[in-house]
C-alpha cells in the first residue's frame, strides 16, 4: 500500500471521538431524549472540532513521513 493509498483511506471518525468517553456520551444521549437538544448539539459540535483537529494532525504526520524518505 502506498502512502497516498493510506492517506485516501485513513480517517478519524467522529464516532471515535464521541465514544472515547462512553459515560459522557450516554449522559448526553439520555438528556437529549426528553428534549435537551442544546446540550447534545453542543456536545456533537465540540466533538467535530476535536475530530477535525485530529485529522489535521494526522495529515501533518503523514505528510512528514512522506517527505522524510
Protein backbone atom coordinates (compact mmCIF):
# COMPACT_ATOMS: atom_id res chain seq x y z
CA UNK A 1 0.00 0.00 0.00
CA UNK A 2 1.45 3.36 -0.98
CA UNK A 3 1.47 6.45 1.21
CA UNK A 4 -1.23 8.01 -0.96
CA UNK A 5 -3.47 4.97 -0.59
CA UNK A 6 -3.10 5.17 3.18
CA UNK A 7 -3.96 8.88 3.12
CA UNK A 8 -7.02 8.25 1.00
CA UNK A 9 -8.33 5.54 3.33
CA UNK A 10 -7.40 6.75 6.83
CA UNK A 11 -9.98 8.84 8.63
CA UNK A 12 -10.66 9.87 12.18
CA UNK A 13 -14.36 9.19 12.59
CA UNK A 14 -16.46 11.46 14.71
CA UNK A 15 -17.84 8.42 16.49
CA UNK A 16 -14.43 7.54 17.88
CA UNK A 17 -14.16 10.97 19.48
CA UNK A 18 -17.66 10.80 20.89
CA UNK A 19 -17.20 7.28 22.23
CA UNK A 20 -13.80 7.92 23.81
CA UNK A 21 -15.78 8.68 26.97
CA UNK A 22 -18.84 6.43 26.80
CA UNK A 23 -20.25 7.65 30.12
CA UNK A 24 -20.30 11.23 28.88
CA UNK A 25 -21.78 10.16 25.53
CA UNK A 26 -24.64 8.26 27.16
CA UNK A 27 -25.25 11.07 29.67
CA UNK A 28 -25.75 13.49 26.77
CA UNK A 29 -27.86 10.99 24.87
CA UNK A 30 -30.06 10.36 27.93
CA UNK A 31 -30.66 14.10 28.40
CA UNK A 32 -31.31 14.53 24.66
CA UNK A 33 -34.16 12.01 24.56
CA UNK A 34 -36.50 14.04 26.82
CA UNK A 35 -35.67 17.26 24.98
CA UNK A 36 -32.27 18.70 25.96
CA UNK A 37 -31.26 19.27 22.35
CA UNK A 38 -28.95 22.21 23.12
CA UNK A 39 -26.60 20.12 25.29
CA UNK A 40 -26.41 17.31 22.77
CA UNK A 41 -25.85 19.62 19.80
CA UNK A 42 -23.09 21.40 21.72
CA UNK A 43 -21.51 18.02 22.55
CA UNK A 44 -21.60 16.95 18.89
CA UNK A 45 -20.20 20.32 17.76
CA UNK A 46 -17.30 20.09 20.20
CA UNK A 47 -16.65 16.52 19.09
CA UNK A 48 -16.49 17.68 15.47
CA UNK A 49 -13.85 20.25 16.42
CA UNK A 50 -11.73 17.64 18.21
CA UNK A 51 -12.12 15.22 15.30
CA UNK A 52 -11.16 17.90 12.78
CA UNK A 53 -8.06 18.82 14.76
CA UNK A 54 -7.08 15.14 14.93
CA UNK A 55 -7.47 14.83 11.15
CA UNK A 56 -5.23 17.86 10.64
CA UNK A 57 -2.62 16.39 12.99
CA UNK A 58 -2.75 13.04 11.18
CA UNK A 59 -2.41 14.71 7.80
CA UNK A 60 0.62 16.64 9.02
CA UNK A 61 2.30 13.48 10.36
CA UNK A 62 1.62 11.58 7.14
CA UNK A 63 2.98 14.47 5.07
CA UNK A 64 6.16 14.48 7.17
CA UNK A 65 6.57 10.72 6.78
CA UNK A 66 6.16 11.00 3.02
CA UNK A 67 8.81 13.69 2.66
CA UNK A 68 11.25 12.07 5.08
CA UNK A 69 12.09 9.35 2.55
